[in-house]
């Protein structure tokens, strides 16, 4: 419903109390629009642009809640004979109605204080109003009867939209709701109470829709992140080996699946089983990503035939090129188990030594005196490779420092490697093995700490034969 020029109208419900004088009624609204100072219902006055009028060129990203500063509606239509009933907001203030003949004017009048857009659809079969570029809205090359509505929804995605139509066009009103409007009303049956309820319903429904959409997007993002992190966790490649594998992983970050700790196990064509576990300093997503890079690089280099010092030197180059700053380092423990399973080579880069339990004996820490520094600390470091005897039946547990740095009781005492060795030995004596052993160990460490561990925890267990505690 077009008017000669954009204007504001004061609308008052006839059945409500006398108008409340509001100093803001005379303030400039929109771009060059003003409202009459007279508090009684009166015909609209022409706009009186004044100095300092607010710039209304930018669309509102998010409308305010009705009642924050009075209810403001934006009416878009071409028919100058049409009108909307007089109405007030929930606090007794007169509702302000701005009118625009086309989308260009509507975009200029769509300021932050607009709560709802009323779009008066042209009668069925009438020429569609032109878009902002002067052309009729079209879809797939054919005339789109709801092109104006689609344009409004693109222009004001955060605003509630009510469609006004004739009773004979009820199906088109329903289609408008399916396209994205909050509701439709018959213009010939409008009264103040119906319009007031419809506007409030539309505004709150739009607000709820936006909140639900944000919640859905957050959940989808979280699910995508979880799928990504789960996909980055390793799948051991031990086909053809008689070793049994078990692992547990607990990131220190809340609701995360992946932290700065990483591990992997593969069997090369010569029958050697290669196991590794590492820890990037820090607990955030950047550290988790760097840990994944190091793990994948380790797997590729291992299949390429590198081991020990040559492999760690190459991994240090990867770390130096991929880390965010020079302060970041990573610890690693590499174990290469011979094809006969009776001996192994161990290489430590600033990492805690593995725990070995042979058949009939208590678990003990493997020697760690000949280890090298963590990756990223010394440019030309070296990492000795030490051979150890495993025996016929054994269990080898590799872990990160998150398992041994938890507190014991209320003081500052840490569990440490000796405490962990005693804890694991006691559980093995009780007959726990494999997955059950790791579950019990991690649970007891957490209980001793008095709650969840703040550091990432990774534990890897390899078994050969039956180990008697």
Protein backbone atom coordinates (compact mmCIF):
# COMPACT_ATOMS: atom_id res chain seq x y z
CA UNK A 1 0.00 0.00 0.00
CA UNK A 2 1.98 2.97 -1.23
CA UNK A 3 1.86 6.49 0.15
CA UNK A 4 3.18 9.65 -1.48
CA UNK A 5 6.22 9.68 0.79
CA UNK A 6 7.43 7.53 3.73
CA UNK A 7 5.68 8.54 6.94
CA UNK A 8 4.93 7.50 10.52
CA UNK A 9 1.48 7.02 11.94
CA UNK A 10 0.44 6.99 15.55
CA UNK A 11 -1.92 4.10 16.25
CA UNK A 12 -4.11 3.85 19.38
CA UNK A 13 -6.54 1.08 20.26
CA UNK A 14 -9.99 2.69 20.72
CA UNK A 15 -10.93 0.49 23.68
CA UNK A 16 -7.82 1.33 25.73
CA UNK A 17 -7.24 4.13 28.18
CA UNK A 18 -6.40 7.69 27.14
CA UNK A 19 -3.01 8.10 25.50
CA UNK A 20 0.01 8.38 27.73
CA UNK A 21 2.09 11.48 27.01
CA UNK A 22 5.55 10.30 26.00
CA UNK A 23 8.32 12.77 25.36
CA UNK A 24 9.82 10.36 22.91
CA UNK A 25 6.71 10.58 20.66
CA UNK A 26 8.11 13.75 19.12
CA UNK A 27 11.61 12.39 18.52
CA UNK A 28 12.78 11.88 14.98
CA UNK A 29 12.26 8.30 13.82
CA UNK A 30 13.84 6.61 10.81
CA UNK A 31 15.37 8.63 8.05
CA UNK A 32 13.73 12.06 7.96
CA UNK A 33 10.50 10.97 9.74
CA UNK A 34 8.86 12.48 12.79
CA UNK A 35 5.78 11.82 14.89
CA UNK A 36 3.14 14.42 15.91
CA UNK A 37 3.56 15.94 19.36
CA UNK A 38 -0.20 15.89 19.92
CA UNK A 39 -1.11 12.94 22.17
CA UNK A 40 -4.65 12.53 20.80
CA UNK A 41 -5.33 10.36 17.75
CA UNK A 42 -4.71 12.51 14.73
CA UNK A 43 -3.99 12.12 11.04
CA UNK A 44 -0.40 11.64 10.15
CA UNK A 45 1.67 14.73 9.46
CA UNK A 46 4.19 15.05 6.65
CA UNK A 47 7.74 14.27 7.65
CA UNK A 48 9.75 17.13 9.10
CA UNK A 49 13.41 16.32 8.69
CA UNK A 50 15.57 18.06 11.18
CA UNK A 51 19.26 18.38 11.91
CA UNK A 52 20.83 15.46 13.68
CA UNK A 53 18.20 12.96 12.52
CA UNK A 54 19.55 9.40 12.88
CA UNK A 55 20.95 7.67 9.83
CA UNK A 56 18.63 4.77 9.02
CA UNK A 57 20.45 3.43 6.00
CA UNK A 58 21.77 0.25 7.60
CA UNK A 59 19.42 -2.71 8.25
CA UNK A 60 18.99 -3.83 11.81
CA UNK A 61 20.97 -6.96 12.67
CA UNK A 62 18.71 -7.81 15.60
CA UNK A 63 15.52 -6.00 16.66
CA UNK A 64 15.03 -4.98 20.26
CA UNK A 65 12.37 -6.56 22.45
CA UNK A 66 8.93 -4.88 22.40
CA UNK A 67 8.62 -2.49 25.29
CA UNK A 68 12.28 -1.46 25.30
CA UNK A 69 11.39 1.88 23.68
CA UNK A 70 7.84 1.46 22.40
CA UNK A 71 6.57 -0.78 19.63
CA UNK A 72 7.65 0.15 16.10
CA UNK A 73 6.27 -1.48 12.95
CA UNK A 74 7.44 -1.17 9.36
CA UNK A 75 4.59 -1.41 6.85
CA UNK A 76 5.52 -2.22 3.23
CA UNK A 77 2.85 -1.94 0.54
CA UNK A 78 1.59 -0.11 -2.55
CA UNK A 79 -2.14 0.43 -1.93
CA UNK A 80 -2.64 3.99 -0.54
CA UNK A 81 -6.20 3.21 0.56
CA UNK A 82 -5.19 0.44 2.93
CA UNK A 83 -4.44 1.03 6.59
CA UNK A 84 -3.76 -0.82 9.81
CA UNK A 85 -5.78 -0.45 13.00
CA UNK A 86 -4.69 1.83 15.80
CA UNK A 87 -2.88 -0.03 18.55
CA UNK A 88 -0.67 0.36 21.63
CA UNK A 89 2.17 -1.72 22.99
CA UNK A 90 1.99 -3.71 26.23
CA UNK A 91 2.99 -0.72 28.35
CA UNK A 92 0.35 1.63 27.02
CA UNK A 93 2.59 3.49 24.60
CA UNK A 94 1.38 4.27 21.13
CA UNK A 95 2.73 1.98 18.49
CA UNK A 96 4.66 3.68 15.72
CA UNK A 97 4.01 2.63 12.14
CA UNK A 98 6.43 3.51 9.36
CA UNK A 99 5.29 3.01 5.79
CA UNK A 100 7.30 2.28 2.67
CA UNK A 101 6.08 1.91 -0.91
CA UNK A 102 8.91 -0.35 -2.02
CA UNK A 103 11.93 -2.25 -0.78
CA UNK A 104 14.30 0.64 -1.31
CA UNK A 105 12.33 2.80 1.11
CA UNK A 106 11.88 -0.17 3.44
CA UNK A 107 15.62 -0.79 3.64
CA UNK A 108 16.17 2.87 4.53
CA UNK A 109 13.51 2.79 7.26
CA UNK A 110 14.61 -0.55 8.76
CA UNK A 111 16.39 0.78 11.84
CA UNK A 112 17.32 -0.92 15.09
CA UNK A 113 14.06 -0.05 16.84
CA UNK A 114 11.80 -1.82 14.32
CA UNK A 115 10.23 -4.87 15.94
CA UNK A 116 8.09 -6.29 13.17
CA UNK A 117 7.62 -5.90 9.41
CA UNK A 118 4.08 -5.91 7.96
CA UNK A 119 4.19 -6.85 4.28
CA UNK A 120 0.96 -6.17 2.35
CA UNK A 121 0.94 -8.66 -0.51
CA UNK A 122 -0.36 -7.42 -3.84
CA UNK A 123 -3.67 -9.06 -4.86
CA UNK A 124 -3.32 -12.33 -6.74
CA UNK A 125 -2.70 -11.65 -10.42
CA UNK A 126 -1.54 -8.07 -9.85
CA UNK A 127 1.91 -7.04 -11.06
CA UNK A 128 4.52 -7.82 -8.40
CA UNK A 129 6.20 -4.78 -6.82
CA UNK A 130 9.65 -4.08 -8.09
CA UNK A 131 12.79 -5.02 -6.24
CA UNK A 132 15.47 -2.62 -5.10
CA UNK A 133 17.13 -2.67 -8.50
CA UNK A 134 13.85 -1.80 -10.25
CA UNK A 135 13.19 -5.30 -11.58
CA UNK A 136 10.39 -7.66 -10.62
CA UNK A 137 11.44 -10.48 -8.28
CA UNK A 138 11.73 -13.72 -10.21
CA UNK A 139 12.68 -17.27 -9.34
CA UNK A 140 14.00 -19.81 -11.84
CA UNK A 141 13.11 -17.40 -14.67
CA UNK A 142 9.38 -17.41 -13.83
CA UNK A 143 7.30 -14.81 -11.96
CA UNK A 144 7.42 -15.41 -8.21
CA UNK A 145 4.23 -14.26 -6.46
CA UNK A 146 6.10 -14.17 -3.14
CA UNK A 147 9.20 -12.50 -4.54
CA UNK A 148 8.69 -9.42 -2.37
CA UNK A 149 8.48 -11.59 0.75
CA UNK A 150 11.67 -13.44 -0.19
CA UNK A 151 13.40 -10.10 -0.72
CA UNK A 152 12.22 -8.86 2.69
CA UNK A 153 13.45 -12.04 4.39
CA UNK A 154 16.85 -11.59 2.75
CA UNK A 155 16.94 -7.93 3.76
CA UNK A 156 15.84 -8.50 7.37
CA UNK A 157 16.73 -12.07 8.40
CA UNK A 158 16.51 -11.27 12.13
CA UNK A 159 13.13 -9.49 12.05
CA UNK A 160 9.65 -10.91 12.48
CA UNK A 161 7.52 -10.65 9.32
CA UNK A 162 3.72 -10.63 9.15
CA UNK A 163 1.97 -10.92 5.79
CA UNK A 164 -1.29 -9.08 5.07
CA UNK A 165 -3.48 -10.53 2.34
CA UNK A 166 -7.09 -10.75 1.23
CA UNK A 167 -9.33 -13.52 2.57
CA UNK A 168 -9.57 -14.92 -0.96
CA UNK A 169 -5.77 -15.34 -0.97
CA UNK A 170 -5.64 -17.56 2.13
CA UNK A 171 -3.60 -20.21 0.34
CA UNK A 172 -1.01 -17.62 -0.62
CA UNK A 173 -0.85 -16.51 3.02
CA UNK A 174 -0.18 -20.08 4.10
CA UNK A 175 2.50 -20.36 1.43
CA UNK A 176 4.07 -17.16 2.81
CA UNK A 177 4.41 -18.86 6.20
CA UNK A 178 6.06 -21.85 4.55
CA UNK A 179 8.49 -19.47 2.83
CA UNK A 180 9.48 -17.86 6.12
CA UNK A 181 6.90 -15.38 7.44
CA UNK A 182 5.86 -15.79 11.06
CA UNK A 183 2.11 -15.53 10.31
CA UNK A 184 -0.46 -14.10 7.87
CA UNK A 185 -3.54 -11.96 8.53
CA UNK A 186 -6.57 -11.01 6.43
CA UNK A 187 -6.39 -7.25 5.96
CA UNK A 188 -10.21 -6.88 5.82
CA UNK A 189 -10.66 -8.50 9.25
CA UNK A 190 -7.96 -6.66 11.14
CA UNK A 191 -8.66 -4.91 14.43
CA UNK A 192 -6.30 -3.53 17.04
CA UNK A 193 -6.42 -6.49 19.40
CA UNK A 194 -5.88 -9.06 16.65
CA UNK A 195 -2.95 -7.13 15.19
CA UNK A 196 -1.42 -6.50 18.62
CA UNK A 197 -1.50 -10.20 19.52
CA UNK A 198 -0.21 -11.20 16.10
CA UNK A 199 2.72 -8.78 16.27
CA UNK A 200 3.75 -9.90 19.74
CA UNK A 201 3.42 -13.54 18.76
CA UNK A 202 5.45 -12.98 15.60
CA UNK A 203 8.23 -11.15 17.44
CA UNK A 204 8.56 -13.77 20.16
CA UNK A 205 8.31 -16.64 17.68
CA UNK A 206 11.07 -15.09 15.57
CA UNK A 207 13.20 -14.63 18.67
CA UNK A 208 12.63 -18.27 19.63
CA UNK A 209 13.38 -19.41 16.07
CA UNK A 210 16.67 -17.52 16.06
CA UNK A 211 17.63 -18.93 19.45
CA UNK A 212 16.74 -22.46 18.31
CA UNK A 213 18.72 -22.00 15.10
CA UNK A 214 21.77 -20.83 17.04
CA UNK A 215 21.42 -23.79 19.39
CA UNK A 216 21.09 -26.19 16.46
CA UNK A 217 24.11 -24.69 14.71
CA UNK A 218 26.14 -24.95 17.93
CA UNK A 219 25.15 -28.59 18.34
CA UNK A 220 25.97 -29.38 14.71
CA UNK A 221 29.34 -27.67 15.07
CA UNK A 222 30.04 -29.63 18.25
CA UNK A 223 29.06 -32.87 16.51
CA UNK A 224 31.29 -32.05 13.55
CA UNK A 225 34.18 -31.32 15.90
CA UNK A 226 33.61 -34.58 17.74
CA UNK A 227 33.48 -36.55 14.48
CA UNK A 228 36.67 -34.82 13.34
CA UNK A 229 38.47 -35.50 16.60
CA UNK A 230 37.25 -39.11 16.69
CA UNK A 231 38.51 -39.58 13.15
CA UNK A 232 41.93 -38.27 14.17
CA UNK A 233 42.35 -40.86 16.93
CA UNK A 234 44.59 -43.70 15.72
CA UNK A 235 43.57 -47.15 14.56
CA UNK A 236 46.36 -49.60 15.47
CA UNK A 237 47.75 -51.61 12.56
CA UNK A 238 48.77 -54.93 14.11
CA UNK A 239 47.57 -57.47 11.57
CA UNK A 240 49.68 -60.64 11.83
CA UNK A 241 50.97 -59.90 15.34
CA UNK A 242 50.23 -61.99 18.43
CA UNK A 243 50.37 -58.90 20.66
CA UNK A 244 47.23 -57.67 22.38
CA UNK A 245 46.59 -53.92 22.30
CA UNK A 246 44.60 -51.66 24.65
CA UNK A 247 44.55 -47.89 25.10
CA UNK A 248 42.77 -45.18 27.07
CA UNK A 249 42.60 -41.50 26.29
CA UNK A 250 41.24 -38.63 28.42
CA UNK A 251 41.75 -35.04 27.15
CA UNK A 252 42.16 -32.35 29.77
CA UNK A 253 39.84 -29.95 27.89
CA UNK A 254 36.20 -30.03 28.93
CA UNK A 255 33.94 -31.85 26.42
CA UNK A 256 36.86 -32.48 24.07
CA UNK A 257 37.85 -35.79 22.52
CA UNK A 258 41.39 -34.86 21.56
CA UNK A 259 44.18 -33.20 23.53
CA UNK A 260 47.90 -32.63 23.17
CA UNK A 261 48.72 -36.28 23.95
CA UNK A 262 49.00 -38.77 21.09
CA UNK A 263 49.88 -42.42 20.51
CA UNK A 264 50.02 -44.98 17.73
CA UNK A 265 51.02 -48.59 17.03
CA UNK A 266 51.88 -50.21 13.69
CA UNK A 267 53.48 -53.43 12.43
CA UNK A 268 55.90 -53.14 9.52
CA UNK A 269 56.33 -55.86 6.86
CA UNK A 270 59.41 -57.31 8.62
CA UNK A 271 57.22 -58.23 11.62
CA UNK A 272 58.51 -55.49 13.96
CA UNK A 273 55.83 -53.82 16.08
CA UNK A 274 56.43 -50.10 16.55
CA UNK A 275 54.66 -48.25 19.37
CA UNK A 276 54.87 -44.59 20.30
CA UNK A 277 53.32 -42.20 22.75
CA UNK A 278 53.88 -38.45 23.02
CA UNK A 279 52.79 -35.23 24.64
CA UNK A 280 52.74 -31.69 23.20
CA UNK A 281 53.02 -29.09 25.96
CA UNK A 282 49.65 -27.39 26.47
CA UNK A 283 46.04 -28.55 26.32
CA UNK A 284 44.27 -26.52 23.61
CA UNK A 285 43.11 -27.33 20.07
CA UNK A 286 46.37 -26.05 18.56
CA UNK A 287 48.34 -28.53 20.65
CA UNK A 288 45.90 -31.29 19.70
CA UNK A 289 46.37 -30.49 16.02
CA UNK A 290 50.16 -30.52 16.39
CA UNK A 291 50.00 -33.87 18.17
CA UNK A 292 48.01 -35.33 15.28
CA UNK A 293 50.59 -34.01 12.80
CA UNK A 294 53.43 -35.61 14.75
CA UNK A 295 51.58 -38.93 15.02
CA UNK A 296 50.84 -39.08 11.30
CA UNK A 297 54.41 -38.07 10.48
CA UNK A 298 55.71 -40.81 12.82
CA UNK A 299 53.56 -43.44 11.09
CA UNK A 300 54.75 -42.38 7.63
CA UNK A 301 58.41 -42.26 8.67
CA UNK A 302 58.16 -45.63 10.41
CA UNK A 303 56.76 -47.31 7.29
CA UNK A 304 59.56 -45.60 5.35
CA UNK A 305 62.08 -47.46 7.51
CA UNK A 306 63.29 -44.75 9.91
CA UNK A 307 63.73 -45.45 13.62
CA UNK A 308 65.46 -44.08 16.69
CA UNK A 309 67.61 -40.98 16.32
CA UNK A 310 66.96 -40.51 12.57
CA UNK A 311 63.20 -40.66 13.09
CA UNK A 312 63.20 -38.27 16.07
CA UNK A 313 65.47 -35.78 14.27
CA UNK A 314 62.97 -35.66 11.41
CA UNK A 315 60.03 -35.30 13.79
CA UNK A 316 61.82 -32.40 15.46
CA UNK A 317 61.98 -30.64 12.08
CA UNK A 318 58.26 -31.19 11.65
CA UNK A 319 57.61 -29.74 15.10
CA UNK A 320 59.82 -26.71 14.50
CA UNK A 321 58.00 -25.88 11.28
CA UNK A 322 54.47 -26.51 12.54
CA UNK A 323 54.46 -25.11 16.08
CA UNK A 324 52.89 -21.73 16.78
CA UNK A 325 55.90 -20.37 18.69
CA UNK A 326 59.40 -21.41 19.71
CA UNK A 327 58.34 -22.23 23.28
CA UNK A 328 56.31 -25.28 22.27
CA UNK A 329 57.97 -28.68 22.67
CA UNK A 330 56.90 -32.32 22.67
CA UNK A 331 58.03 -35.42 24.58
CA UNK A 332 58.07 -38.87 22.97
CA UNK A 333 58.63 -42.49 23.85
CA UNK A 334 59.35 -44.95 21.02
CA UNK A 335 59.38 -48.73 21.45
CA UNK A 336 60.30 -51.11 18.61
CA UNK A 337 59.46 -54.74 19.47
CA UNK A 338 61.38 -57.42 17.59
CA UNK A 339 59.41 -59.90 15.43
CA UNK A 340 60.04 -62.68 17.98
CA UNK A 341 58.52 -60.49 20.72
CA UNK A 342 61.31 -61.26 23.20
CA UNK A 343 63.27 -58.01 23.09
CA UNK A 344 62.77 -54.36 22.10
CA UNK A 345 64.55 -51.06 21.54
CA UNK A 346 63.47 -48.03 23.54
CA UNK A 347 64.10 -44.38 22.65
CA UNK A 348 63.06 -41.57 25.02
CA UNK A 349 62.80 -37.87 24.17
CA UNK A 350 62.12 -36.21 27.51
CA UNK A 351 59.30 -38.69 28.17
CA UNK A 352 58.61 -40.95 31.19
CA UNK A 353 59.99 -44.47 30.83
CA UNK A 354 57.54 -47.34 30.10
CA UNK A 355 56.46 -49.84 32.73
CA UNK A 356 57.34 -53.50 32.09
CA UNK A 357 55.84 -56.51 33.88
CA UNK A 358 57.40 -59.88 33.03
CA UNK A 359 55.75 -63.19 33.76
CA UNK A 360 55.86 -63.94 37.48
CA UNK A 361 57.39 -60.56 38.43
CA UNK A 362 56.23 -57.19 39.69
CA UNK A 363 56.09 -54.28 37.21
CA UNK A 364 59.16 -52.04 37.04
CA UNK A 365 60.22 -48.94 35.14
CA UNK A 366 62.56 -49.42 32.22
CA UNK A 367 65.86 -47.50 32.43
CA UNK A 368 65.57 -43.85 31.46
CA UNK A 369 69.02 -42.44 32.23
CA UNK A 370 70.13 -42.58 28.58
CA UNK A 371 67.18 -40.66 27.18
CA UNK A 372 67.49 -37.49 25.13
CA UNK A 373 65.76 -34.08 25.42
CA UNK A 374 62.22 -33.29 24.37
CA UNK A 375 61.69 -32.36 20.74
CA UNK A 376 62.00 -28.67 20.03
CA UNK A 377 64.45 -27.80 22.83
CA UNK A 378 67.88 -28.36 21.26
CA UNK A 379 68.51 -27.91 17.52
CA UNK A 380 71.09 -30.68 17.14
CA UNK A 381 70.01 -33.10 19.87
CA UNK A 382 70.60 -36.85 19.77
CA UNK A 383 68.45 -39.64 21.15
CA UNK A 384 70.16 -42.96 22.06
CA UNK A 385 68.32 -46.21 21.35
CA UNK A 386 68.57 -48.79 24.14
CA UNK A 387 67.84 -52.50 23.84
CA UNK A 388 65.84 -54.22 26.60
CA UNK A 389 64.94 -57.88 27.19
CA UNK A 390 61.19 -58.54 27.40
CA UNK A 391 61.04 -62.31 27.81
CA UNK A 392 58.41 -64.77 26.73
CA UNK A 393 55.29 -63.34 28.45
CA UNK A 394 55.08 -59.68 29.39
CA UNK A 395 52.98 -56.52 29.60
CA UNK A 396 54.37 -53.14 28.52
CA UNK A 397 52.56 -49.97 29.54
CA UNK A 398 53.38 -46.61 27.95
CA UNK A 399 51.77 -43.44 29.34
CA UNK A 400 51.92 -39.65 29.41
CA UNK A 401 52.69 -37.54 32.45
CA UNK A 402 49.01 -36.77 33.03
CA UNK A 403 48.77 -40.20 34.66
CA UNK A 404 51.54 -39.57 37.20
CA UNK A 405 51.12 -35.86 37.97
CA UNK A 406 47.76 -36.13 39.71
CA UNK A 407 47.69 -35.29 43.41
CA UNK A 408 47.46 -37.81 46.20
CA UNK A 409 45.07 -36.68 48.92
CA UNK A 410 44.58 -33.07 49.99
CA UNK A 411 48.23 -31.99 49.97
CA UNK A 412 50.66 -31.18 47.19
CA UNK A 413 52.08 -34.69 46.91
CA UNK A 414 52.02 -36.14 43.40
CA UNK A 415 51.48 -39.77 42.50
CA UNK A 416 54.73 -39.97 40.55
CA UNK A 417 56.18 -42.93 38.69
CA UNK A 418 56.85 -44.94 41.85
CA UNK A 419 53.27 -44.49 43.04
CA UNK A 420 51.94 -45.50 39.65
CA UNK A 421 54.19 -48.57 39.58
CA UNK A 422 52.87 -49.69 42.98
CA UNK A 423 49.27 -48.95 41.94
CA UNK A 424 49.52 -50.96 38.70
CA UNK A 425 51.32 -53.83 40.47
CA UNK A 426 48.56 -54.10 43.04
CA UNK A 427 45.87 -54.21 40.34
CA UNK A 428 47.77 -56.82 38.34
CA UNK A 429 48.08 -58.95 41.48
CA UNK A 430 44.30 -58.77 41.70
CA UNK A 431 44.12 -60.36 38.26
CA UNK A 432 43.32 -57.29 36.14
CA UNK A 433 44.61 -57.30 32.56
CA UNK A 434 44.16 -55.37 29.33
CA UNK A 435 41.19 -53.01 29.14
CA UNK A 436 40.17 -53.74 32.74
CA UNK A 437 43.65 -52.88 33.99
CA UNK A 438 43.70 -49.54 32.18
CA UNK A 439 40.19 -48.64 33.34
CA UNK A 440 41.03 -49.45 36.94
CA UNK A 441 44.35 -47.58 36.81
CA UNK A 442 42.89 -44.39 35.33
CA UNK A 443 39.91 -44.49 37.71
CA UNK A 444 42.09 -44.92 40.81
CA UNK A 445 44.44 -42.13 39.72
CA UNK A 446 41.45 -39.84 39.28
CA UNK A 447 40.04 -40.83 42.68
CA UNK A 448 43.38 -40.16 44.36
CA UNK A 449 43.38 -36.75 42.72
CA UNK A 450 39.98 -35.98 44.23
CA UNK A 451 38.32 -35.42 40.86
CA UNK A 452 38.98 -35.18 37.15
CA UNK A 453 42.60 -34.80 36.09
CA UNK A 454 43.40 -31.42 34.57
CA UNK A 455 46.10 -32.71 32.22
CA UNK A 456 45.62 -34.90 29.16
CA UNK A 457 46.07 -38.62 29.85
CA UNK A 458 47.03 -41.28 27.31
CA UNK A 459 47.88 -44.88 28.24
CA UNK A 460 48.87 -47.68 25.86
CA UNK A 461 49.20 -51.34 26.87
CA UNK A 462 50.78 -54.17 24.86
CA UNK A 463 50.59 -57.76 26.12
CA UNK A 464 52.30 -60.94 24.95
CA UNK A 465 51.32 -64.28 26.46
CA UNK A 466 49.82 -64.53 29.93
CA UNK A 467 51.54 -62.53 32.64
CA UNK A 468 51.09 -63.88 36.15
CA UNK A 469 51.05 -61.20 38.82
